Amino acid sequence: LLSRGMTQRLAVARAVLHRPRLLLLDEPRAN
């Protein structure tokens, strides 16, 4: 039910949740 922008913000939250040392970012600011 979320917009693409909101979904992308949640995807960012998921990607950094565990405090990674290496970020792999494929078009991270899309939407």
Full PDB file with SEQRES, HELIX, SHEET, SSBOND, CRYST1, ORIGX, SCALE, CONECT and MASTER records, all heavy atoms in Angstrom:
SEQRES   1 A   31  LEU LEU SER ARG GLY MET THR GLN ARG LEU ALA VAL ALA          
SEQRES   2 A   31  ARG ALA VAL LEU HIS ARG PRO ARG LEU LEU LEU LEU ASP          
SEQRES   3 A   31  GLU PRO ARG ALA ASN                                          
HELIX    1 AA1 ARG A    4  VAL A   16  1                                  13    
CRYST1    1.000    1.000    1.000  90.00  90.00  90.00 P 1           1          
ORIGX1      1.000000  0.000000  0.000000        0.00000                         
ORIGX2      0.000000  1.000000  0.000000        0.00000                         
ORIGX3      0.000000  0.000000  1.000000        0.00000                         
SCALE1      1.000000  0.000000  0.000000        0.00000                         
SCALE2      0.000000  1.000000  0.000000        0.00000                         
SCALE3      0.000000  0.000000  1.000000        0.00000                         
ATOM      1  N   LEU A   1       0.809  -1.218   0.000  1.00  0.00           N  
ATOM      2  CA  LEU A   1       0.000   0.000   0.000  1.00  0.00           C  
ATOM      3  C   LEU A   1       0.844   1.271   0.000  1.00  0.00           C  
ATOM      4  O   LEU A   1       0.302   2.373  -0.056  1.00  0.00           O  
ATOM      5  CB  LEU A   1      -0.916   0.014   1.231  1.00  0.00           C  
ATOM      6  CG  LEU A   1      -1.938  -1.116   1.329  1.00  0.00           C  
ATOM      7  CD1 LEU A   1      -2.795  -0.936   2.574  1.00  0.00           C  
ATOM      8  CD2 LEU A   1      -2.808  -1.182   0.068  1.00  0.00           C  
ATOM      9  N   LEU A   2       2.142   1.118   0.051  1.00  0.00           N  
ATOM     10  CA  LEU A   2       3.021   2.283   0.126  1.00  0.00           C  
ATOM     11  C   LEU A   2       3.433   2.761  -1.256  1.00  0.00           C  
ATOM     12  O   LEU A   2       3.477   1.987  -2.213  1.00  0.00           O  
ATOM     13  CB  LEU A   2       4.272   1.932   0.940  1.00  0.00           C  
ATOM     14  CG  LEU A   2       4.041   1.490   2.379  1.00  0.00           C  
ATOM     15  CD1 LEU A   2       5.365   1.090   3.020  1.00  0.00           C  
ATOM     16  CD2 LEU A   2       3.357   2.580   3.200  1.00  0.00           C  
ATOM     17  N   SER A   3       3.757   4.031  -1.356  1.00  0.00           N  
ATOM     18  CA  SER A   3       4.289   4.581  -2.605  1.00  0.00           C  
ATOM     19  C   SER A   3       5.673   4.009  -2.869  1.00  0.00           C  
ATOM     20  O   SER A   3       6.327   3.451  -1.970  1.00  0.00           O  
ATOM     21  CB  SER A   3       4.367   6.098  -2.527  1.00  0.00           C  
ATOM     22  OG  SER A   3       5.376   6.490  -1.598  1.00  0.00           O  
ATOM     23  N   ARG A   4       6.150   4.188  -4.097  1.00  0.00           N  
ATOM     24  CA  ARG A   4       7.486   3.699  -4.430  1.00  0.00           C  
ATOM     25  C   ARG A   4       8.558   4.405  -3.615  1.00  0.00           C  
ATOM     26  O   ARG A   4       9.555   3.796  -3.202  1.00  0.00           O  
ATOM     27  CB  ARG A   4       7.751   3.870  -5.930  1.00  0.00           C  
ATOM     28  CG  ARG A   4       6.966   2.892  -6.795  1.00  0.00           C  
ATOM     29  CD  ARG A   4       7.379   2.966  -8.245  1.00  0.00           C  
ATOM     30  NE  ARG A   4       7.066   4.265  -8.834  1.00  0.00           N  
ATOM     31  CZ  ARG A   4       7.373   4.616 -10.073  1.00  0.00           C  
ATOM     32  NH1 ARG A   4       8.042   3.775 -10.860  1.00  0.00           N  
ATOM     33  NH2 ARG A   4       7.044   5.808 -10.539  1.00  0.00           N  
ATOM     34  N   GLY A   5       8.353   5.689  -3.362  1.00  0.00           N  
ATOM     35  CA  GLY A   5       9.322   6.422  -2.558  1.00  0.00           C  
ATOM     36  C   GLY A   5       9.373   5.913  -1.126  1.00  0.00           C  
ATOM     37  O   GLY A   5      10.464   5.754  -0.553  1.00  0.00           O  
ATOM     38  N   MET A   6       8.215   5.649  -0.538  1.00  0.00           N  
ATOM     39  CA  MET A   6       8.182   5.111   0.819  1.00  0.00           C  
ATOM     40  C   MET A   6       8.802   3.721   0.870  1.00  0.00           C  
ATOM     41  O   MET A   6       9.528   3.380   1.812  1.00  0.00           O  
ATOM     42  CB  MET A   6       6.742   5.071   1.332  1.00  0.00           C  
ATOM     43  CG  MET A   6       6.152   6.420   1.641  1.00  0.00           C  
ATOM     44  SD  MET A   6       4.448   6.273   2.216  1.00  0.00           S  
ATOM     45  CE  MET A   6       4.063   7.989   2.539  1.00  0.00           C  
ATOM     46  N   THR A   7       8.510   2.916  -0.147  1.00  0.00           N  
ATOM     47  CA  THR A   7       9.093   1.581  -0.197  1.00  0.00           C  
ATOM     48  C   THR A   7      10.609   1.652  -0.295  1.00  0.00           C  
ATOM     49  O   THR A   7      11.327   0.874   0.351  1.00  0.00           O  
ATOM     50  CB  THR A   7       8.528   0.798  -1.400  1.00  0.00           C  
ATOM     51  OG1 THR A   7       7.105   0.707  -1.264  1.00  0.00           O  
ATOM     52  CG2 THR A   7       9.106  -0.608  -1.477  1.00  0.00           C  
ATOM     53  N   GLN A   8      11.116   2.612  -1.070  1.00  0.00           N  
ATOM     54  CA  GLN A   8      12.566   2.767  -1.177  1.00  0.00           C  
ATOM     55  C   GLN A   8      13.176   3.186   0.153  1.00  0.00           C  
ATOM     56  O   GLN A   8      14.264   2.726   0.527  1.00  0.00           O  
ATOM     57  CB  GLN A   8      12.913   3.778  -2.268  1.00  0.00           C  
ATOM     58  CG  GLN A   8      14.395   3.930  -2.556  1.00  0.00           C  
ATOM     59  CD  GLN A   8      14.997   2.739  -3.272  1.00  0.00           C  
ATOM     60  OE1 GLN A   8      14.327   1.744  -3.530  1.00  0.00           O  
ATOM     61  NE2 GLN A   8      16.270   2.826  -3.612  1.00  0.00           N  
ATOM     62  N   ARG A   9      12.490   4.037   0.888  1.00  0.00           N  
ATOM     63  CA  ARG A   9      12.993   4.425   2.203  1.00  0.00           C  
ATOM     64  C   ARG A   9      13.052   3.234   3.148  1.00  0.00           C  
ATOM     65  O   ARG A   9      14.012   3.074   3.917  1.00  0.00           O  
ATOM     66  CB  ARG A   9      12.132   5.545   2.782  1.00  0.00           C  
ATOM     67  CG  ARG A   9      12.464   6.898   2.180  1.00  0.00           C  
ATOM     68  CD  ARG A   9      11.298   7.861   2.177  1.00  0.00           C  
ATOM     69  NE  ARG A   9      10.785   8.139   3.512  1.00  0.00           N  
ATOM     70  CZ  ARG A   9       9.672   8.852   3.733  1.00  0.00           C  
ATOM     71  NH1 ARG A   9       8.983   9.334   2.707  1.00  0.00           N  
ATOM     72  NH2 ARG A   9       9.253   9.075   4.955  1.00  0.00           N  
ATOM     73  N   LEU A  10      12.058   2.358   3.074  1.00  0.00           N  
ATOM     74  CA  LEU A  10      12.093   1.137   3.881  1.00  0.00           C  
ATOM     75  C   LEU A  10      13.218   0.214   3.434  1.00  0.00           C  
ATOM     76  O   LEU A  10      13.859  -0.446   4.262  1.00  0.00           O  
ATOM     77  CB  LEU A  10      10.755   0.398   3.784  1.00  0.00           C  
ATOM     78  CG  LEU A  10       9.630   0.888   4.671  1.00  0.00           C  
ATOM     79  CD1 LEU A  10       8.359   0.113   4.360  1.00  0.00           C  
ATOM     80  CD2 LEU A  10       9.976   0.750   6.151  1.00  0.00           C  
ATOM     81  N   ALA A  11      13.457   0.161   2.126  1.00  0.00           N  
ATOM     82  CA  ALA A  11      14.556  -0.673   1.619  1.00  0.00           C  
ATOM     83  C   ALA A  11      15.903  -0.167   2.134  1.00  0.00           C  
ATOM     84  O   ALA A  11      16.794  -0.963   2.445  1.00  0.00           O  
ATOM     85  CB  ALA A  11      14.536  -0.696   0.091  1.00  0.00           C  
ATOM     86  N   VAL A  12      16.056   1.146   2.224  1.00  0.00           N  
ATOM     87  CA  VAL A  12      17.274   1.713   2.810  1.00  0.00           C  
ATOM     88  C   VAL A  12      17.383   1.291   4.271  1.00  0.00           C  
ATOM     89  O   VAL A  12      18.453   0.864   4.739  1.00  0.00           O  
ATOM     90  CB  VAL A  12      17.278   3.250   2.683  1.00  0.00           C  
ATOM     91  CG1 VAL A  12      18.418   3.857   3.503  1.00  0.00           C  
ATOM     92  CG2 VAL A  12      17.399   3.659   1.220  1.00  0.00           C  
ATOM     93  N   ALA A  13      16.274   1.387   5.000  1.00  0.00           N  
ATOM     94  CA  ALA A  13      16.278   0.978   6.408  1.00  0.00           C  
ATOM     95  C   ALA A  13      16.680  -0.490   6.548  1.00  0.00           C  
ATOM     96  O   ALA A  13      17.454  -0.846   7.444  1.00  0.00           O  
ATOM     97  CB  ALA A  13      14.901   1.217   7.024  1.00  0.00           C  
ATOM     98  N   ARG A  14      16.168  -1.342   5.668  1.00  0.00           N  
ATOM     99  CA  ARG A  14      16.533  -2.767   5.703  1.00  0.00           C  
ATOM    100  C   ARG A  14      18.020  -2.949   5.434  1.00  0.00           C  
ATOM    101  O   ARG A  14      18.692  -3.743   6.098  1.00  0.00           O  
ATOM    102  CB  ARG A  14      15.717  -3.551   4.665  1.00  0.00           C  
ATOM    103  CG  ARG A  14      16.141  -4.999   4.522  1.00  0.00           C  
ATOM    104  CD  ARG A  14      15.656  -5.613   3.238  1.00  0.00           C  
ATOM    105  NE  ARG A  14      15.991  -4.856   2.048  1.00  0.00           N  
ATOM    106  CZ  ARG A  14      17.206  -4.774   1.522  1.00  0.00           C  
ATOM    107  NH1 ARG A  14      18.228  -5.398   2.075  1.00  0.00           N  
ATOM    108  NH2 ARG A  14      17.405  -4.066   0.438  1.00  0.00           N  
ATOM    109  N   ALA A  15      18.550  -2.212   4.458  1.00  0.00           N  
ATOM    110  CA  ALA A  15      19.948  -2.396   4.054  1.00  0.00           C  
ATOM    111  C   ALA A  15      20.930  -2.007   5.146  1.00  0.00           C  
ATOM    112  O   ALA A  15      22.025  -2.576   5.222  1.00  0.00           O  
ATOM    113  CB  ALA A  15      20.228  -1.597   2.780  1.00  0.00           C  
ATOM    114  N   VAL A  16      20.555  -1.042   5.992  1.00  0.00           N  
ATOM    115  CA  VAL A  16      21.495  -0.564   7.027  1.00  0.00           C  
ATOM    116  C   VAL A  16      21.130  -1.060   8.420  1.00  0.00           C  
ATOM    117  O   VAL A  16      21.833  -0.746   9.385  1.00  0.00           O  
ATOM    118  CB  VAL A  16      21.569   0.978   7.032  1.00  0.00           C  
ATOM    119  CG1 VAL A  16      21.978   1.503   5.670  1.00  0.00           C  
ATOM    120  CG2 VAL A  16      20.257   1.616   7.491  1.00  0.00           C  
ATOM    121  N   LEU A  17      20.079  -1.827   8.527  1.00  0.00           N  
ATOM    122  CA  LEU A  17      19.570  -2.275   9.828  1.00  0.00           C  
ATOM    123  C   LEU A  17      20.655  -2.915  10.688  1.00  0.00           C  
ATOM    124  O   LEU A  17      20.751  -2.664  11.893  1.00  0.00           O  
ATOM    125  CB  LEU A  17      18.421  -3.262   9.593  1.00  0.00           C  
ATOM    126  CG  LEU A  17      17.784  -3.896  10.825  1.00  0.00           C  
ATOM    127  CD1 LEU A  17      16.971  -2.869  11.598  1.00  0.00           C  
ATOM    128  CD2 LEU A  17      16.888  -5.072  10.421  1.00  0.00           C  
ATOM    129  N   HIS A  18      21.493  -3.745  10.071  1.00  0.00           N  
ATOM    130  CA  HIS A  18      22.487  -4.534  10.807  1.00  0.00           C  
ATOM    131  C   HIS A  18      23.862  -3.870  10.851  1.00  0.00           C  
ATOM    132  O   HIS A  18      24.853  -4.506  11.176  1.00  0.00           O  
ATOM    133  CB  HIS A  18      22.602  -5.927  10.194  1.00  0.00           C  
ATOM    134  CG  HIS A  18      22.879  -5.914   8.719  1.00  0.00           C  
ATOM    135  ND1 HIS A  18      22.015  -5.373   7.796  1.00  0.00           N  
ATOM    136  CD2 HIS A  18      23.935  -6.379   7.996  1.00  0.00           C  
ATOM    137  CE1 HIS A  18      22.525  -5.508   6.585  1.00  0.00           C  
ATOM    138  NE2 HIS A  18      23.690  -6.106   6.687  1.00  0.00           N  
ATOM    139  N   ARG A  19      23.905  -2.583  10.521  1.00  0.00           N  
ATOM    140  CA  ARG A  19      25.136  -1.784  10.548  1.00  0.00           C  
ATOM    141  C   ARG A  19      26.252  -2.444   9.722  1.00  0.00           C  
ATOM    142  O   ARG A  19      27.323  -2.778  10.240  1.00  0.00           O  
ATOM    143  CB  ARG A  19      25.609  -1.561  11.981  1.00  0.00           C  
ATOM    144  CG  ARG A  19      24.638  -0.742  12.827  1.00  0.00           C  
ATOM    145  CD  ARG A  19      25.224  -0.450  14.204  1.00  0.00           C  
ATOM    146  NE  ARG A  19      24.379   0.453  14.967  1.00  0.00           N  
ATOM    147  CZ  ARG A  19      23.408   0.058  15.795  1.00  0.00           C  
ATOM    148  NH1 ARG A  19      23.162  -1.236  15.938  1.00  0.00           N  
ATOM    149  NH2 ARG A  19      22.698   0.946  16.467  1.00  0.00           N  
ATOM    150  N   PRO A  20      26.038  -2.601   8.416  1.00  0.00           N  
ATOM    151  CA  PRO A  20      27.042  -3.262   7.573  1.00  0.00           C  
ATOM    152  C   PRO A  20      28.296  -2.412   7.420  1.00  0.00           C  
ATOM    153  O   PRO A  20      28.267  -1.186   7.565  1.00  0.00           O  
ATOM    154  CB  PRO A  20      26.319  -3.421   6.242  1.00  0.00           C  
ATOM    155  CG  PRO A  20      25.327  -2.299   6.211  1.00  0.00           C  
ATOM    156  CD  PRO A  20      24.874  -2.142   7.633  1.00  0.00           C  
ATOM    157  N   ARG A  21      29.393  -3.078   7.078  1.00  0.00           N  
ATOM    158  CA  ARG A  21      30.653  -2.386   6.784  1.00  0.00           C  
ATOM    159  C   ARG A  21      30.761  -2.027   5.305  1.00  0.00           C  
ATOM    160  O   ARG A  21      31.489  -1.098   4.942  1.00  0.00           O  
ATOM    161  CB  ARG A  21      31.829  -3.271   7.170  1.00  0.00           C  
ATOM    162  CG  ARG A  21      31.981  -3.501   8.660  1.00  0.00           C  
ATOM    163  CD  ARG A  21      32.996  -4.582   8.946  1.00  0.00           C  
ATOM    164  NE  ARG A  21      34.310  -4.282   8.380  1.00  0.00           N  
ATOM    165  CZ  ARG A  21      35.291  -5.170   8.269  1.00  0.00           C  
ATOM    166  NH1 ARG A  21      35.101  -6.423   8.656  1.00  0.00           N  
ATOM    167  NH2 ARG A  21      36.458  -4.814   7.757  1.00  0.00           N  
ATOM    168  N   LEU A  22      30.071  -2.788   4.451  1.00  0.00           N  
ATOM    169  CA  LEU A  22      30.156  -2.600   3.000  1.00  0.00           C  
ATOM    170  C   LEU A  22      28.753  -2.455   2.445  1.00  0.00           C  
ATOM    171  O   LEU A  22      27.909  -3.337   2.632  1.00  0.00           O  
ATOM    172  CB  LEU A  22      30.863  -3.804   2.364  1.00  0.00           C  
ATOM    173  CG  LEU A  22      30.888  -3.887   0.837  1.00  0.00           C  
ATOM    174  CD1 LEU A  22      31.516  -2.645   0.220  1.00  0.00           C  
ATOM    175  CD2 LEU A  22      31.633  -5.140   0.399  1.00  0.00           C  
ATOM    176  N   LEU A  23      28.492  -1.340   1.764  1.00  0.00           N  
ATOM    177  CA  LEU A  23      27.190  -1.079   1.152  1.00  0.00           C  
ATOM    178  C   LEU A  23      27.291  -1.236  -0.354  1.00  0.00           C  
ATOM    179  O   LEU A  23      28.168  -0.644  -0.992  1.00  0.00           O  
ATOM    180  CB  LEU A  23      26.718   0.342   1.483  1.00  0.00           C  
ATOM    181  CG  LEU A  23      26.242   0.601   2.910  1.00  0.00           C  
ATOM    182  CD1 LEU A  23      26.016   2.098   3.121  1.00  0.00           C  
ATOM    183  CD2 LEU A  23      24.965  -0.171   3.197  1.00  0.00           C  
ATOM    184  N   LEU A  24      26.380  -2.019  -0.918  1.00  0.00           N  
ATOM    185  CA  LEU A  24      26.276  -2.223  -2.366  1.00  0.00           C  
ATOM    186  C   LEU A  24      24.999  -1.529  -2.819  1.00  0.00           C  
ATOM    187  O   LEU A  24      23.889  -1.984  -2.529  1.00  0.00           O  
ATOM    188  CB  LEU A  24      26.235  -3.718  -2.686  1.00  0.00           C  
ATOM    189  CG  LEU A  24      27.385  -4.542  -2.094  1.00  0.00           C  
ATOM    190  CD1 LEU A  24      27.165  -6.030  -2.355  1.00  0.00           C  
ATOM    191  CD2 LEU A  24      28.724  -4.092  -2.657  1.00  0.00           C  
ATOM    192  N   LEU A  25      25.151  -0.423  -3.533  1.00  0.00           N  
ATOM    193  CA  LEU A  25      24.047   0.498  -3.794  1.00  0.00           C  
ATOM    194  C   LEU A  25      23.800   0.625  -5.294  1.00  0.00           C  
ATOM    195  O   LEU A  25      24.565   1.274  -6.006  1.00  0.00           O  
ATOM    196  CB  LEU A  25      24.372   1.868  -3.194  1.00  0.00           C  
ATOM    197  CG  LEU A  25      24.765   1.880  -1.714  1.00  0.00           C  
ATOM    198  CD1 LEU A  25      25.272   3.264  -1.312  1.00  0.00           C  
ATOM    199  CD2 LEU A  25      23.597   1.460  -0.840  1.00  0.00           C  
ATOM    200  N   ASP A  26      22.737  -0.001  -5.756  1.00  0.00           N  
ATOM    201  CA  ASP A  26      22.377   0.023  -7.182  1.00  0.00           C  
ATOM    202  C   ASP A  26      21.240   1.023  -7.365  1.00  0.00           C  
ATOM    203  O   ASP A  26      20.091   0.741  -7.001  1.00  0.00           O  
ATOM    204  CB  ASP A  26      21.954  -1.385  -7.621  1.00  0.00           C  
ATOM    205  CG  ASP A  26      22.058  -1.574  -9.127  1.00  0.00           C  
ATOM    206  OD1 ASP A  26      22.443  -0.622  -9.826  1.00  0.00           O  
ATOM    207  OD2 ASP A  26      21.765  -2.694  -9.605  1.00  0.00           O  
ATOM    208  N   GLU A  27      21.550   2.193  -7.885  1.00  0.00           N  
ATOM    209  CA  GLU A  27      20.572   3.279  -8.054  1.00  0.00           C  
ATOM    210  C   GLU A  27      19.842   3.557  -6.736  1.00  0.00           C  
ATOM    211  O   GLU A  27      18.607   3.501  -6.653  1.00  0.00           O  
ATOM    212  CB  GLU A  27      19.556   2.915  -9.149  1.00  0.00           C  
ATOM    213  CG  GLU A  27      20.154   2.504 -10.471  1.00  0.00           C  
ATOM    214  CD  GLU A  27      20.639   3.686 -11.302  1.00  0.00           C  
ATOM    215  OE1 GLU A  27      20.493   4.826 -10.827  1.00  0.00           O  
ATOM    216  OE2 GLU A  27      21.145   3.462 -12.401  1.00  0.00           O  
ATOM    217  N   PRO A  28      20.565   3.875  -5.665  1.00  0.00           N  
ATOM    218  CA  PRO A  28      19.933   3.956  -4.345  1.00  0.00           C  
ATOM    219  C   PRO A  28      18.910   5.061  -4.181  1.00  0.00           C  
ATOM    220  O   PRO A  28      18.049   4.983  -3.296  1.00  0.00           O  
ATOM    221  CB  PRO A  28      21.130   4.181  -3.410  1.00  0.00           C  
ATOM    222  CG  PRO A  28      22.170   4.825  -4.269  1.00  0.00           C  
ATOM    223  CD  PRO A  28      22.000   4.182  -5.619  1.00  0.00           C  
ATOM    224  N   ARG A  29      18.995   6.097  -5.013  1.00  0.00           N  
ATOM    225  CA  ARG A  29      18.058   7.214  -4.862  1.00  0.00           C  
ATOM    226  C   ARG A  29      16.907   7.142  -5.857  1.00  0.00           C  
ATOM    227  O   ARG A  29      16.159   8.118  -6.022  1.00  0.00           O  
ATOM    228  CB  ARG A  29      18.820   8.534  -4.995  1.00  0.00           C  
ATOM    229  CG  ARG A  29      19.834   8.727  -3.864  1.00  0.00           C  
ATOM    230  CD  ARG A  29      20.713   9.938  -4.055  1.00  0.00           C  
ATOM    231  NE  ARG A  29      21.686  10.077  -2.976  1.00  0.00           N  
ATOM    232  CZ  ARG A  29      22.854   9.449  -2.937  1.00  0.00           C  
ATOM    233  NH1 ARG A  29      23.202   8.656  -3.940  1.00  0.00           N  
ATOM    234  NH2 ARG A  29      23.674   9.606  -1.925  1.00  0.00           N  
ATOM    235  N   ALA A  30      16.739   5.989  -6.499  1.00  0.00           N  
ATOM    236  CA  ALA A  30      15.612   5.806  -7.413  1.00  0.00           C  
ATOM    237  C   ALA A  30      14.300   5.994  -6.656  1.00  0.00           C  
ATOM    238  O   ALA A  30      14.143   5.532  -5.523  1.00  0.00           O  
ATOM    239  CB  ALA A  30      15.664   4.406  -8.029  1.00  0.00           C  
ATOM    240  N   ASN A  31      13.373   6.702  -7.281  1.00  0.00           N  
ATOM    241  CA  ASN A  31      12.026   6.932  -6.742  1.00  0.00           C  
ATOM    242  C   ASN A  31      11.989   7.885  -5.545  1.00  0.00           C  
ATOM    243  O   ASN A  31      10.952   8.018  -4.894  1.00  0.00           O  
ATOM    244  CB  ASN A  31      11.354   5.610  -6.337  1.00  0.00           C  
ATOM    245  CG  ASN A  31      11.288   4.618  -7.472  1.00  0.00           C  
ATOM    246  OD1 ASN A  31      10.924   4.982  -8.596  1.00  0.00           O  
ATOM    247  ND2 ASN A  31      11.640   3.368  -7.203  1.00  0.00           N  
TER     248      ASN A  31                                                      
MASTER        0    0    0    1    0    0    0    6  247    1    0    3          
END                                                                             
